[in-house]
Amino acid sequence: MSVTVKDIVDAQVHIGTLKSEAHPKTNKYRLDIVNNMVVLNPEMILEQLNNAKKKVQDVRKSWKDILIVCEKKMYSEEVKSLGEKYGVAYLNYKAPGGFLTNFDTFKSRINSMNKMSSFLESEEFESLTKKEQSIYKRNLTRAKKVYEWVKSLTQKPGLVIVVDGSMMKSFIREVELQSDVDSIVIASTNYNKYLWENDIIANMLSYKSLDFVMNYILS
């Protein structure tokens, strides 16, 4: 699968934020201002998309795990679909603080969730009172809300794809402290950090734009 500048424009990936919201660090990606909206250079986006896609392919070849992190409620179900479609782990509810820094601790919680899930299917669970069963079910539901979609991780992910850098500043700082974790940050023109070679500047307010970007780099 390959994409063209026309594909990027058709998917509205090249639409930035309002001029008043744009950060100066993203100015070099700017092509024009139309109706007070920043218009991004689609040729630069195309280069970023190809760099990010290559990074994903390289990580897969090294048999490392990929994790998508997205706290955008409007895109939560789409992240779930992407994870299932491409076989990658994801956090689409809330990224727990210290998830990478204290990964061993969180992995133990994931293991506990998996054990609890098995317990709820056992005869021992059936022998509990309804009140006790209710407590276990409630605890499992709470754990699954956060960890269900990373339960397959056996080690720290080799690549983290962060959707909407402006929303995920704390998590990005955590990623930057991990010498053994690569990242792809997808952000719009309101992002206040410099973008690196694998990062992507794109329209963060459009389902069409996000789906286009995510499906291309993961396919």
N, C-alpha and C. Protein backbone atom coordinates (compact mmCIF):
# COMPACT_ATOMS: atom_id res chain seq x y z
N MET A 1 0.84 -1.20 0.00
CA MET A 1 0.00 0.00 0.00
C MET A 1 0.87 1.24 0.00
N SER A 2 0.60 2.16 -0.89
CA SER A 2 1.31 3.43 -0.94
C SER A 2 0.29 4.57 -0.98
N VAL A 3 0.72 5.75 -0.59
CA VAL A 3 -0.17 6.90 -0.61
C VAL A 3 0.47 8.04 -1.39
N THR A 4 -0.35 8.96 -1.80
CA THR A 4 0.12 10.12 -2.56
C THR A 4 -0.28 11.39 -1.82
N VAL A 5 0.25 12.52 -2.30
CA VAL A 5 -0.13 13.81 -1.76
C VAL A 5 -1.64 14.02 -1.89
N LYS A 6 -2.19 13.60 -3.02
CA LYS A 6 -3.65 13.73 -3.24
C LYS A 6 -4.43 12.95 -2.19
N ASP A 7 -3.96 11.74 -1.86
CA ASP A 7 -4.63 10.94 -0.84
C ASP A 7 -4.65 11.68 0.50
N ILE A 8 -3.54 12.31 0.82
CA ILE A 8 -3.42 13.04 2.08
C ILE A 8 -4.40 14.21 2.11
N VAL A 9 -4.49 14.92 1.02
CA VAL A 9 -5.42 16.06 0.93
C VAL A 9 -6.87 15.57 0.97
N ASP A 10 -7.17 14.50 0.26
CA ASP A 10 -8.54 13.97 0.25
C ASP A 10 -8.98 13.52 1.65
N ALA A 11 -8.03 13.02 2.44
CA ALA A 11 -8.34 12.56 3.79
C ALA A 11 -8.31 13.71 4.81
N GLN A 12 -8.01 14.92 4.35
CA GLN A 12 -7.98 16.12 5.19
C GLN A 12 -6.92 16.05 6.29
N VAL A 13 -5.88 15.28 6.03
CA VAL A 13 -4.79 15.16 7.00
C VAL A 13 -4.04 16.48 7.12
N HIS A 14 -4.06 17.26 6.07
CA HIS A 14 -3.24 18.48 6.00
C HIS A 14 -3.87 19.70 6.66
N ILE A 15 -5.01 19.53 7.34
CA ILE A 15 -5.67 20.64 8.01
C ILE A 15 -5.16 20.74 9.45
N GLY A 16 -4.62 21.89 9.81
CA GLY A 16 -4.11 22.09 11.16
C GLY A 16 -5.13 22.75 12.06
N THR A 17 -4.66 23.42 13.09
CA THR A 17 -5.53 24.12 14.03
C THR A 17 -5.75 25.56 13.57
N LEU A 18 -6.49 26.31 14.35
CA LEU A 18 -6.60 27.74 14.12
C LEU A 18 -5.20 28.36 14.22
N LYS A 19 -4.98 29.41 13.46
CA LYS A 19 -3.68 30.08 13.49
C LYS A 19 -3.32 30.52 14.90
N SER A 20 -4.30 31.00 15.65
CA SER A 20 -4.05 31.49 17.01
C SER A 20 -3.66 30.37 17.98
N GLU A 21 -3.99 29.12 17.63
CA GLU A 21 -3.67 27.99 18.50
C GLU A 21 -2.37 27.29 18.10
N ALA A 22 -1.86 27.61 16.91
CA ALA A 22 -0.67 26.92 16.40
C ALA A 22 0.58 27.34 17.16
N HIS A 23 1.45 26.38 17.43
CA HIS A 23 2.69 26.66 18.14
C HIS A 23 3.80 26.95 17.13
N PRO A 24 4.67 27.92 17.43
CA PRO A 24 5.76 28.28 16.50
C PRO A 24 6.65 27.10 16.10
N LYS A 25 6.76 26.08 16.96
CA LYS A 25 7.63 24.95 16.64
C LYS A 25 7.10 24.12 15.47
N THR A 26 5.84 24.35 15.10
CA THR A 26 5.28 23.62 13.96
C THR A 26 5.24 24.47 12.69
N ASN A 27 5.78 25.67 12.75
CA ASN A 27 5.71 26.58 11.61
C ASN A 27 6.34 26.02 10.33
N LYS A 28 7.39 25.24 10.48
CA LYS A 28 8.09 24.76 9.28
C LYS A 28 7.24 23.79 8.45
N TYR A 29 6.15 23.27 9.04
CA TYR A 29 5.26 22.37 8.30
C TYR A 29 4.12 23.13 7.63
N ARG A 30 4.06 24.43 7.85
CA ARG A 30 2.95 25.24 7.37
C ARG A 30 3.10 25.56 5.89
N LEU A 31 2.03 25.39 5.15
CA LEU A 31 2.01 25.76 3.73
C LEU A 31 1.30 27.08 3.51
N ASP A 32 0.20 27.29 4.29
CA ASP A 32 -0.60 28.49 4.07
C ASP A 32 -1.54 28.69 5.26
N ILE A 33 -2.22 29.82 5.28
CA ILE A 33 -3.30 30.09 6.22
C ILE A 33 -4.55 30.39 5.40
N VAL A 34 -5.60 29.61 5.59
CA VAL A 34 -6.84 29.79 4.85
C VAL A 34 -7.99 29.89 5.85
N ASN A 35 -8.71 31.01 5.79
CA ASN A 35 -9.81 31.23 6.72
C ASN A 35 -9.37 31.07 8.18
N ASN A 36 -8.18 31.58 8.45
CA ASN A 36 -7.59 31.56 9.79
C ASN A 36 -7.20 30.16 10.25
N MET A 37 -7.24 29.16 9.35
CA MET A 37 -6.82 27.80 9.66
C MET A 37 -5.45 27.53 9.04
N VAL A 38 -4.61 26.82 9.78
CA VAL A 38 -3.31 26.44 9.25
C VAL A 38 -3.48 25.31 8.25
N VAL A 39 -2.86 25.46 7.10
CA VAL A 39 -2.83 24.40 6.09
C VAL A 39 -1.41 23.85 6.06
N LEU A 40 -1.29 22.54 6.27
CA LEU A 40 0.02 21.90 6.33
C LEU A 40 0.51 21.49 4.95
N ASN A 41 1.82 21.35 4.85
CA ASN A 41 2.43 20.93 3.59
C ASN A 41 2.25 19.42 3.44
N PRO A 42 1.42 18.97 2.51
CA PRO A 42 1.15 17.52 2.38
C PRO A 42 2.38 16.72 1.96
N GLU A 43 3.33 17.35 1.27
CA GLU A 43 4.54 16.63 0.87
C GLU A 43 5.38 16.29 2.10
N MET A 44 5.42 17.18 3.08
CA MET A 44 6.15 16.90 4.31
C MET A 44 5.44 15.81 5.12
N ILE A 45 4.11 15.83 5.10
CA ILE A 45 3.35 14.79 5.79
C ILE A 45 3.61 13.43 5.15
N LEU A 46 3.66 13.40 3.83
CA LEU A 46 3.93 12.15 3.12
C LEU A 46 5.26 11.55 3.55
N GLU A 47 6.28 12.38 3.67
CA GLU A 47 7.59 11.90 4.11
C GLU A 47 7.51 11.35 5.53
N GLN A 48 6.79 12.06 6.40
CA GLN A 48 6.64 11.60 7.78
C GLN A 48 5.90 10.26 7.85
N LEU A 49 4.84 10.13 7.06
CA LEU A 49 4.08 8.88 7.04
C LEU A 49 4.95 7.70 6.63
N ASN A 50 5.77 7.90 5.62
CA ASN A 50 6.64 6.82 5.14
C ASN A 50 7.71 6.48 6.16
N ASN A 51 8.24 7.49 6.85
CA ASN A 51 9.23 7.24 7.91
C ASN A 51 8.61 6.43 9.04
N ALA A 52 7.39 6.82 9.43
CA ALA A 52 6.71 6.12 10.53
C ALA A 52 6.36 4.69 10.13
N LYS A 53 5.91 4.50 8.91
CA LYS A 53 5.56 3.15 8.43
C LYS A 53 6.79 2.24 8.45
N LYS A 54 7.94 2.79 8.03
CA LYS A 54 9.17 2.00 8.04
C LYS A 54 9.56 1.64 9.47
N LYS A 55 9.38 2.56 10.39
CA LYS A 55 9.69 2.28 11.79
C LYS A 55 8.82 1.14 12.31
N VAL A 56 7.54 1.16 12.00
CA VAL A 56 6.64 0.08 12.41
C VAL A 56 7.11 -1.26 11.84
N GLN A 57 7.47 -1.26 10.58
CA GLN A 57 7.93 -2.49 9.93
C GLN A 57 9.21 -3.00 10.56
N ASP A 58 10.12 -2.10 10.88
CA ASP A 58 11.40 -2.49 11.50
C ASP A 58 11.17 -3.11 12.88
N VAL A 59 10.26 -2.53 13.64
CA VAL A 59 9.97 -3.05 14.98
C VAL A 59 9.34 -4.44 14.88
N ARG A 60 8.45 -4.62 13.92
CA ARG A 60 7.83 -5.93 13.74
C ARG A 60 8.87 -6.99 13.35
N LYS A 61 9.82 -6.60 12.51
CA LYS A 61 10.87 -7.54 12.11
C LYS A 61 11.73 -7.97 13.29
N SER A 62 11.84 -7.09 14.29
CA SER A 62 12.65 -7.40 15.47
C SER A 62 11.84 -8.16 16.52
N TRP A 63 10.57 -8.48 16.20
CA TRP A 63 9.68 -9.25 17.08
C TRP A 63 9.39 -8.53 18.40
N LYS A 64 9.41 -7.21 18.36
CA LYS A 64 9.04 -6.44 19.54
C LYS A 64 7.57 -6.04 19.45
N ASP A 65 6.97 -5.77 20.61
CA ASP A 65 5.55 -5.40 20.65
C ASP A 65 5.36 -3.93 20.33
N ILE A 66 4.19 -3.62 19.78
CA ILE A 66 3.78 -2.24 19.48
C ILE A 66 2.58 -1.90 20.36
N LEU A 67 2.59 -0.70 20.92
CA LEU A 67 1.51 -0.25 21.78
C LEU A 67 0.97 1.09 21.27
N ILE A 68 -0.35 1.16 21.04
CA ILE A 68 -1.01 2.43 20.71
C ILE A 68 -1.56 3.02 22.00
N VAL A 69 -1.30 4.30 22.21
CA VAL A 69 -1.83 4.98 23.39
C VAL A 69 -2.67 6.17 22.93
N CYS A 70 -3.94 6.16 23.31
CA CYS A 70 -4.85 7.23 22.86
C CYS A 70 -5.92 7.45 23.93
N GLU A 71 -6.03 8.68 24.41
CA GLU A 71 -7.05 9.02 25.40
C GLU A 71 -8.19 9.83 24.80
N LYS A 72 -8.23 9.94 23.46
CA LYS A 72 -9.30 10.69 22.81
C LYS A 72 -10.59 9.86 22.83
N LYS A 73 -11.59 10.31 23.57
CA LYS A 73 -12.83 9.56 23.69
C LYS A 73 -13.49 9.35 22.33
N MET A 74 -13.39 10.36 21.46
CA MET A 74 -14.04 10.26 20.16
C MET A 74 -13.43 9.19 19.27
N TYR A 75 -12.22 8.73 19.64
CA TYR A 75 -11.51 7.77 18.79
C TYR A 75 -11.27 6.44 19.52
N SER A 76 -11.92 6.26 20.66
CA SER A 76 -11.68 5.09 21.49
C SER A 76 -12.01 3.78 20.79
N GLU A 77 -13.19 3.70 20.20
CA GLU A 77 -13.62 2.46 19.54
C GLU A 77 -12.76 2.17 18.31
N GLU A 78 -12.35 3.24 17.62
CA GLU A 78 -11.50 3.05 16.44
C GLU A 78 -10.15 2.48 16.83
N VAL A 79 -9.61 2.92 17.97
CA VAL A 79 -8.33 2.38 18.46
C VAL A 79 -8.48 0.90 18.76
N LYS A 80 -9.58 0.53 19.36
CA LYS A 80 -9.85 -0.88 19.64
C LYS A 80 -9.87 -1.69 18.34
N SER A 81 -10.56 -1.17 17.34
CA SER A 81 -10.64 -1.86 16.04
C SER A 81 -9.26 -1.99 15.39
N LEU A 82 -8.46 -0.94 15.49
CA LEU A 82 -7.11 -0.97 14.92
C LEU A 82 -6.26 -2.02 15.63
N GLY A 83 -6.36 -2.06 16.95
CA GLY A 83 -5.58 -3.04 17.71
C GLY A 83 -5.92 -4.46 17.32
N GLU A 84 -7.22 -4.73 17.18
CA GLU A 84 -7.65 -6.07 16.80
C GLU A 84 -7.30 -6.39 15.35
N LYS A 85 -7.40 -5.41 14.48
CA LYS A 85 -7.13 -5.61 13.05
C LYS A 85 -5.65 -5.90 12.80
N TYR A 86 -4.78 -5.17 13.48
CA TYR A 86 -3.34 -5.29 13.20
C TYR A 86 -2.57 -6.05 14.28
N GLY A 87 -3.27 -6.55 15.29
CA GLY A 87 -2.61 -7.37 16.30
C GLY A 87 -1.64 -6.62 17.17
N VAL A 88 -2.02 -5.39 17.56
CA VAL A 88 -1.14 -4.61 18.44
C VAL A 88 -1.88 -4.30 19.74
N ALA A 89 -1.11 -4.10 20.80
CA ALA A 89 -1.69 -3.75 22.09
C ALA A 89 -2.11 -2.28 22.08
N TYR A 90 -3.03 -1.93 22.96
CA TYR A 90 -3.45 -0.53 23.00
C TYR A 90 -4.03 -0.16 24.36
N LEU A 91 -3.91 1.12 24.68
CA LEU A 91 -4.55 1.72 25.84
C LEU A 91 -5.47 2.81 25.29
N ASN A 92 -6.76 2.58 25.31
CA ASN A 92 -7.70 3.54 24.72
C ASN A 92 -8.63 4.16 25.75
N TYR A 93 -8.33 3.94 27.02
CA TYR A 93 -9.14 4.53 28.09
C TYR A 93 -8.33 5.60 28.81
N LYS A 94 -7.32 5.20 29.53
CA LYS A 94 -6.41 6.14 30.19
C LYS A 94 -5.08 5.44 30.38
N ALA A 95 -4.01 6.11 30.01
CA ALA A 95 -2.68 5.55 30.18
C ALA A 95 -2.26 5.71 31.64
N PRO A 96 -2.06 4.62 32.37
CA PRO A 96 -1.67 4.74 33.78
C PRO A 96 -0.31 5.41 33.90
N GLY A 97 -0.19 6.34 34.84
CA GLY A 97 1.10 6.98 35.07
C GLY A 97 2.15 5.96 35.45
N GLY A 98 3.32 6.03 34.84
CA GLY A 98 4.39 5.10 35.15
C GLY A 98 4.27 3.76 34.45
N PHE A 99 3.39 3.66 33.45
CA PHE A 99 3.17 2.37 32.80
C PHE A 99 4.47 1.80 32.21
N LEU A 100 5.30 2.65 31.62
CA LEU A 100 6.57 2.20 31.05
C LEU A 100 7.67 2.18 32.10
N THR A 101 7.73 3.22 32.90
CA THR A 101 8.78 3.32 33.92
C THR A 101 8.70 2.17 34.91
N ASN A 102 7.47 1.81 35.32
CA ASN A 102 7.27 0.72 36.28
C ASN A 102 6.55 -0.44 35.61
N PHE A 103 7.01 -0.81 34.43
CA PHE A 103 6.29 -1.80 33.64
C PHE A 103 6.17 -3.14 34.37
N ASP A 104 7.21 -3.55 35.10
CA ASP A 104 7.15 -4.83 35.81
C ASP A 104 6.01 -4.85 36.82
N THR A 105 5.78 -3.71 37.48
CA THR A 105 4.67 -3.62 38.45
C THR A 105 3.34 -3.75 37.73
N PHE A 106 3.20 -3.03 36.61
CA PHE A 106 1.94 -3.11 35.87
C PHE A 106 1.75 -4.49 35.24
N LYS A 107 2.85 -5.12 34.85
CA LYS A 107 2.75 -6.47 34.29
C LYS A 107 2.21 -7.44 35.34
N SER A 108 2.61 -7.25 36.58
CA SER A 108 2.10 -8.12 37.65
C SER A 108 0.60 -7.91 37.84
N ARG A 109 0.14 -6.65 37.65
CA ARG A 109 -1.30 -6.37 37.75
C ARG A 109 -2.05 -7.01 36.59
N ILE A 110 -1.43 -6.99 35.41
CA ILE A 110 -2.05 -7.63 34.25
C ILE A 110 -2.15 -9.13 34.48
N ASN A 111 -1.08 -9.72 35.04
CA ASN A 111 -1.10 -11.15 35.35
C ASN A 111 -2.19 -11.48 36.37
N SER A 112 -2.36 -10.59 37.36
CA SER A 112 -3.41 -10.79 38.36
C SER A 112 -4.79 -10.74 37.72
N MET A 113 -4.96 -9.82 36.77
CA MET A 113 -6.23 -9.72 36.06
C MET A 113 -6.51 -11.00 35.29
N ASN A 114 -5.48 -11.52 34.62
CA ASN A 114 -5.66 -12.76 33.85
C ASN A 114 -6.02 -13.93 34.76
N LYS A 115 -5.37 -13.99 35.94
CA LYS A 115 -5.67 -15.06 36.89
C LYS A 115 -7.09 -14.91 37.43
N MET A 116 -7.50 -13.66 37.71
CA MET A 116 -8.85 -13.42 38.21
C MET A 116 -9.89 -13.82 37.18
N SER A 117 -9.59 -13.54 35.91
CA SER A 117 -10.50 -13.90 34.84
C SER A 117 -10.70 -15.42 34.77
N SER A 118 -9.60 -16.15 34.95
CA SER A 118 -9.68 -17.62 34.96
C SER A 118 -10.45 -18.11 36.19
N PHE A 119 -10.22 -17.43 37.32
CA PHE A 119 -10.89 -17.83 38.57
C PHE A 119 -12.41 -17.72 38.44
N LEU A 120 -12.88 -16.67 37.73
CA LEU A 120 -14.32 -16.47 37.59
C LEU A 120 -14.99 -17.57 36.77
N GLU A 121 -14.20 -18.38 36.09
CA GLU A 121 -14.74 -19.49 35.32
C GLU A 121 -14.58 -20.82 36.04
N SER A 122 -14.09 -20.78 37.26
CA SER A 122 -13.79 -22.01 38.00
C SER A 122 -14.97 -22.43 38.90
N GLU A 123 -14.91 -23.66 39.35
CA GLU A 123 -15.92 -24.18 40.26
C GLU A 123 -15.80 -23.50 41.63
N GLU A 124 -14.58 -23.14 41.99
CA GLU A 124 -14.35 -22.46 43.27
C GLU A 124 -15.12 -21.14 43.33
N PHE A 125 -15.13 -20.42 42.20
CA PHE A 125 -15.86 -19.16 42.15
C PHE A 125 -17.36 -19.40 42.33
N GLU A 126 -17.87 -20.48 41.72
CA GLU A 126 -19.29 -20.80 41.81
C GLU A 126 -19.71 -21.11 43.24
N SER A 127 -18.76 -21.53 44.06
CA SER A 127 -19.08 -21.88 45.44
C SER A 127 -19.15 -20.66 46.36
N LEU A 128 -18.74 -19.50 45.87
CA LEU A 128 -18.78 -18.28 46.68
C LEU A 128 -20.21 -17.75 46.81
N THR A 129 -20.40 -16.91 47.81
CA THR A 129 -21.71 -16.26 47.95
C THR A 129 -21.89 -15.24 46.82
N LYS A 130 -23.14 -14.84 46.59
CA LYS A 130 -23.41 -13.86 45.54
C LYS A 130 -22.70 -12.54 45.81
N LYS A 131 -22.59 -12.17 47.07
CA LYS A 131 -21.92 -10.92 47.43
C LYS A 131 -20.43 -11.02 47.08
N GLU A 132 -19.81 -12.15 47.42
CA GLU A 132 -18.39 -12.35 47.12
C GLU A 132 -18.16 -12.38 45.61
N GLN A 133 -19.04 -13.04 44.89
CA GLN A 133 -18.93 -13.09 43.44
C GLN A 133 -19.04 -11.68 42.84
N SER A 134 -19.94 -10.89 43.39
CA SER A 134 -20.13 -9.53 42.90
C SER A 134 -18.87 -8.69 43.08
N ILE A 135 -18.19 -8.87 44.20
CA ILE A 135 -16.96 -8.12 44.47
C ILE A 135 -15.89 -8.50 43.46
N TYR A 136 -15.72 -9.79 43.20
CA TYR A 136 -14.73 -10.26 42.22
C TYR A 136 -15.04 -9.72 40.82
N LYS A 137 -16.32 -9.78 40.45
CA LYS A 137 -16.71 -9.31 39.12
C LYS A 137 -16.46 -7.81 38.97
N ARG A 138 -16.76 -7.07 40.03
CA ARG A 138 -16.55 -5.62 39.99
C ARG A 138 -15.06 -5.29 39.87
N ASN A 139 -14.24 -6.01 40.61
CA ASN A 139 -12.78 -5.79 40.54
C ASN A 139 -12.23 -6.14 39.16
N LEU A 140 -12.74 -7.22 38.57
CA LEU A 140 -12.29 -7.61 37.25
C LEU A 140 -12.70 -6.60 36.19
N THR A 141 -13.93 -6.11 36.29
CA THR A 141 -14.41 -5.10 35.34
C THR A 141 -13.55 -3.84 35.41
N ARG A 142 -13.20 -3.44 36.64
CA ARG A 142 -12.37 -2.25 36.83
C ARG A 142 -10.99 -2.46 36.21
N ALA A 143 -10.41 -3.62 36.43
CA ALA A 143 -9.07 -3.92 35.90
C ALA A 143 -9.09 -4.00 34.37
N LYS A 144 -10.14 -4.62 33.83
CA LYS A 144 -10.23 -4.78 32.38
C LYS A 144 -10.36 -3.44 31.66
N LYS A 145 -10.99 -2.49 32.33
CA LYS A 145 -11.18 -1.18 31.70
C LYS A 145 -9.84 -0.55 31.33
N VAL A 146 -8.81 -0.86 32.11
CA VAL A 146 -7.49 -0.30 31.86
C VAL A 146 -6.56 -1.28 31.16
N TYR A 147 -6.57 -2.54 31.60
CA TYR A 147 -5.53 -3.47 31.18
C TYR A 147 -5.94 -4.55 30.17
N GLU A 148 -7.22 -4.65 29.85
CA GLU A 148 -7.68 -5.73 28.98
C GLU A 148 -6.92 -5.77 27.67
N TRP A 149 -6.61 -4.61 27.14
CA TRP A 149 -6.05 -4.55 25.79
C TRP A 149 -4.53 -4.56 25.75
N VAL A 150 -3.92 -4.71 26.93
CA VAL A 150 -2.45 -4.88 26.98
C VAL A 150 -2.09 -6.20 27.67
N LYS A 151 -3.10 -7.05 27.83
CA LYS A 151 -2.87 -8.29 28.58
C LYS A 151 -1.92 -9.24 27.86
N SER A 152 -1.73 -9.04 26.55
CA SER A 152 -0.83 -9.92 25.80
C SER A 152 0.63 -9.49 25.89
N LEU A 153 0.89 -8.31 26.45
CA LEU A 153 2.27 -7.83 26.55
C LEU A 153 3.05 -8.69 27.53
N THR A 154 4.14 -9.26 27.06
CA THR A 154 5.01 -10.05 27.94
C THR A 154 6.26 -9.27 28.32
N GLN A 155 6.50 -8.18 27.63
CA GLN A 155 7.65 -7.33 27.92
C GLN A 155 7.29 -5.89 27.54
N LYS A 156 8.14 -4.97 27.92
CA LYS A 156 7.91 -3.57 27.59
C LYS A 156 7.85 -3.42 26.07
N PRO A 157 6.88 -2.67 25.55
CA PRO A 157 6.77 -2.52 24.09
C PRO A 157 8.02 -1.89 23.48
N GLY A 158 8.34 -2.30 22.26
CA GLY A 158 9.50 -1.73 21.57
C GLY A 158 9.17 -0.43 20.89
N LEU A 159 7.86 -0.21 20.63
CA LEU A 159 7.41 1.01 19.97
C LEU A 159 6.08 1.44 20.54
N VAL A 160 5.97 2.72 20.87
CA VAL A 160 4.72 3.29 21.34
C VAL A 160 4.25 4.32 20.32
N ILE A 161 3.00 4.19 19.86
CA ILE A 161 2.40 5.17 18.96
C ILE A 161 1.44 6.02 19.79
N VAL A 162 1.77 7.29 19.94
CA VAL A 162 0.99 8.20 20.77
C VAL A 162 0.09 9.05 19.89
N VAL A 163 -1.22 8.94 20.10
CA VAL A 163 -2.18 9.68 19.30
C VAL A 163 -2.56 10.99 20.01
N ASP A 164 -2.27 12.09 19.37
CA ASP A 164 -2.51 13.45 19.84
C ASP A 164 -1.52 13.84 20.95
N GLY A 165 -0.35 14.26 20.50
CA GLY A 165 0.72 14.63 21.42
C GLY A 165 0.34 15.70 22.41
N SER A 166 -0.52 16.64 22.01
CA SER A 166 -0.90 17.73 22.92
C SER A 166 -1.68 17.22 24.13
N MET A 167 -2.40 16.11 23.96
CA MET A 167 -3.16 15.53 25.07
C MET A 167 -2.29 14.64 25.95
N MET A 168 -1.18 14.18 25.42
CA MET A 168 -0.42 13.12 26.07
C MET A 168 0.96 13.57 26.53
N LYS A 169 1.09 14.81 26.98
CA LYS A 169 2.41 15.35 27.32
C LYS A 169 3.10 14.56 28.43
N SER A 170 2.36 14.19 29.46
CA SER A 170 2.96 13.45 30.57
C SER A 170 3.46 12.09 30.12
N PHE A 171 2.66 11.42 29.30
CA PHE A 171 3.07 10.10 28.82
C PHE A 171 4.28 10.22 27.90
N ILE A 172 4.32 11.25 27.07
CA ILE A 172 5.45 11.45 26.16
C ILE A 172 6.73 11.68 26.96
N ARG A 173 6.64 12.44 28.06
CA ARG A 173 7.83 12.64 28.91
C ARG A 173 8.32 11.31 29.45
N GLU A 174 7.38 10.44 29.79
CA GLU A 174 7.76 9.11 30.28
C GLU A 174 8.44 8.29 29.18
N VAL A 175 7.89 8.35 27.97
CA VAL A 175 8.49 7.62 26.85
C VAL A 175 9.92 8.10 26.60
N GLU A 176 10.13 9.40 26.71
CA GLU A 176 11.44 9.97 26.44
C GLU A 176 12.51 9.48 27.42
N LEU A 177 12.08 9.00 28.58
CA LEU A 177 13.02 8.49 29.58
C LEU A 177 13.39 7.02 29.33
N GLN A 178 12.72 6.39 28.36
CA GLN A 178 12.95 4.97 28.10
C GLN A 178 13.93 4.80 26.95
N SER A 179 15.14 4.40 27.26
CA SER A 179 16.16 4.24 26.21
C SER A 179 15.87 3.05 25.31
N ASP A 180 15.02 2.13 25.77
CA ASP A 180 14.75 0.91 25.02
C ASP A 180 13.38 0.94 24.32
N VAL A 181 12.74 2.11 24.27
CA VAL A 181 11.42 2.23 23.65
C VAL A 181 11.44 3.33 22.61
N ASP A 182 11.11 2.99 21.35
CA ASP A 182 10.95 3.99 20.30
C ASP A 182 9.54 4.55 20.35
N SER A 183 9.33 5.68 19.68
CA SER A 183 8.00 6.27 19.68
C SER A 183 7.67 6.93 18.35
N ILE A 184 6.39 6.99 18.08
CA ILE A 184 5.83 7.79 16.99
C ILE A 184 4.76 8.66 17.62
N VAL A 185 4.95 9.97 17.59
CA VAL A 185 3.97 10.90 18.12
C VAL A 185 3.19 11.50 16.96
N ILE A 186 1.88 11.41 17.03
CA ILE A 186 1.02 12.04 16.03
C ILE A 186 0.37 13.25 16.69
N ALA A 187 0.59 14.42 16.12
CA ALA A 187 0.13 15.64 16.76
C ALA A 187 -0.28 16.67 15.72
N SER A 188 -0.99 17.71 16.16
CA SER A 188 -1.39 18.78 15.27
C SER A 188 -0.52 20.01 15.50
N THR A 189 -0.92 21.13 14.92
CA THR A 189 -0.09 22.32 14.97
C THR A 189 -0.11 23.02 16.33
N ASN A 190 -0.89 22.52 17.29
CA ASN A 190 -0.86 23.06 18.65
C ASN A 190 0.14 22.33 19.55
N TYR A 191 0.92 21.45 18.97
CA TYR A 191 1.92 20.68 19.73
C TYR A 191 3.10 21.58 20.05
N ASN A 192 3.55 21.58 21.31
CA ASN A 192 4.57 22.53 21.72
C ASN A 192 5.97 21.94 21.84
N LYS A 193 6.17 20.77 21.25
CA LYS A 193 7.49 20.15 21.22
C LYS A 193 7.91 19.95 19.77
N TYR A 194 9.21 19.80 19.56
CA TYR A 194 9.68 19.53 18.20
C TYR A 194 9.33 18.11 17.80
N LEU A 195 8.94 17.92 16.56
CA LEU A 195 8.66 16.59 16.04
C LEU A 195 9.95 15.97 15.51
N TRP A 196 10.10 14.68 15.74
CA TRP A 196 11.28 13.96 15.27
C TRP A 196 10.98 13.23 13.97
N GLU A 197 11.98 12.53 13.47
CA GLU A 197 11.89 11.91 12.13
C GLU A 197 10.69 10.99 11.98
N ASN A 198 10.36 10.23 13.02
CA ASN A 198 9.27 9.26 12.92
C ASN A 198 7.91 9.84 13.28
N ASP A 199 7.88 11.08 13.79
CA ASP A 199 6.62 11.69 14.22
C ASP A 199 5.83 12.21 13.02
N ILE A 200 4.55 12.47 13.26
CA ILE A 200 3.65 12.89 12.18
C ILE A 200 2.83 14.08 12.63
N ILE A 201 2.79 15.12 11.82
CA ILE A 201 1.88 16.24 12.07
C ILE A 201 0.65 16.04 11.20
N ALA A 202 -0.52 16.14 11.81
CA ALA A 202 -1.75 15.79 11.08
C ALA A 202 -2.96 16.41 11.75
N ASN A 203 -4.09 16.32 11.08
CA ASN A 203 -5.37 16.78 11.58
C ASN A 203 -5.84 15.84 12.69
N MET A 204 -5.95 16.36 13.92
CA MET A 204 -6.34 15.55 15.06
C MET A 204 -7.84 15.61 15.36
N LEU A 205 -8.58 16.39 14.59
CA LEU A 205 -10.00 16.58 14.87
C LEU A 205 -10.91 15.85 13.89
N SER A 206 -10.33 15.00 13.07
CA SER A 206 -11.10 14.31 12.04
C SER A 206 -10.91 12.81 12.12
N TYR A 207 -12.03 12.07 12.20
CA TYR A 207 -11.96 10.61 12.16
C TYR A 207 -11.27 10.15 10.87
N LYS A 208 -11.65 10.78 9.78
CA LYS A 208 -11.13 10.40 8.47
C LYS A 208 -9.62 10.54 8.42
N SER A 209 -9.12 11.64 8.96
CA SER A 209 -7.69 11.89 8.98
C SER A 209 -6.96 10.87 9.86
N LEU A 210 -7.46 10.65 11.07
CA LEU A 210 -6.81 9.72 11.99
C LEU A 210 -6.83 8.29 11.44
N ASP A 211 -7.96 7.88 10.89
CA ASP A 211 -8.04 6.53 10.32
C ASP A 211 -7.07 6.36 9.17
N PHE A 212 -6.95 7.38 8.35
CA PHE A 212 -6.02 7.34 7.22
C PHE A 212 -4.59 7.16 7.71
N VAL A 213 -4.20 7.98 8.66
CA VAL A 213 -2.82 7.92 9.18
C VAL A 213 -2.55 6.58 9.85
N MET A 214 -3.43 6.16 10.75
CA MET A 214 -3.19 4.95 11.53
C MET A 214 -3.20 3.70 10.66
N ASN A 215 -4.15 3.61 9.74
CA ASN A 215 -4.20 2.43 8.88
C ASN A 215 -2.98 2.35 7.96
N TYR A 216 -2.52 3.50 7.51
CA TYR A 216 -1.36 3.48 6.61
C TYR A 216 -0.10 3.02 7.34
N ILE A 217 0.18 3.60 8.49
CA ILE A 217 1.46 3.26 9.15
C ILE A 217 1.44 1.84 9.74
N LEU A 218 0.25 1.32 10.05
CA LEU A 218 0.16 -0.03 10.64
C LEU A 218 0.02 -1.14 9.61
N SER A 219 -0.37 -0.78 8.38
CA SER A 219 -0.64 -1.82 7.38
C SER A 219 0.64 -2.42 6.82
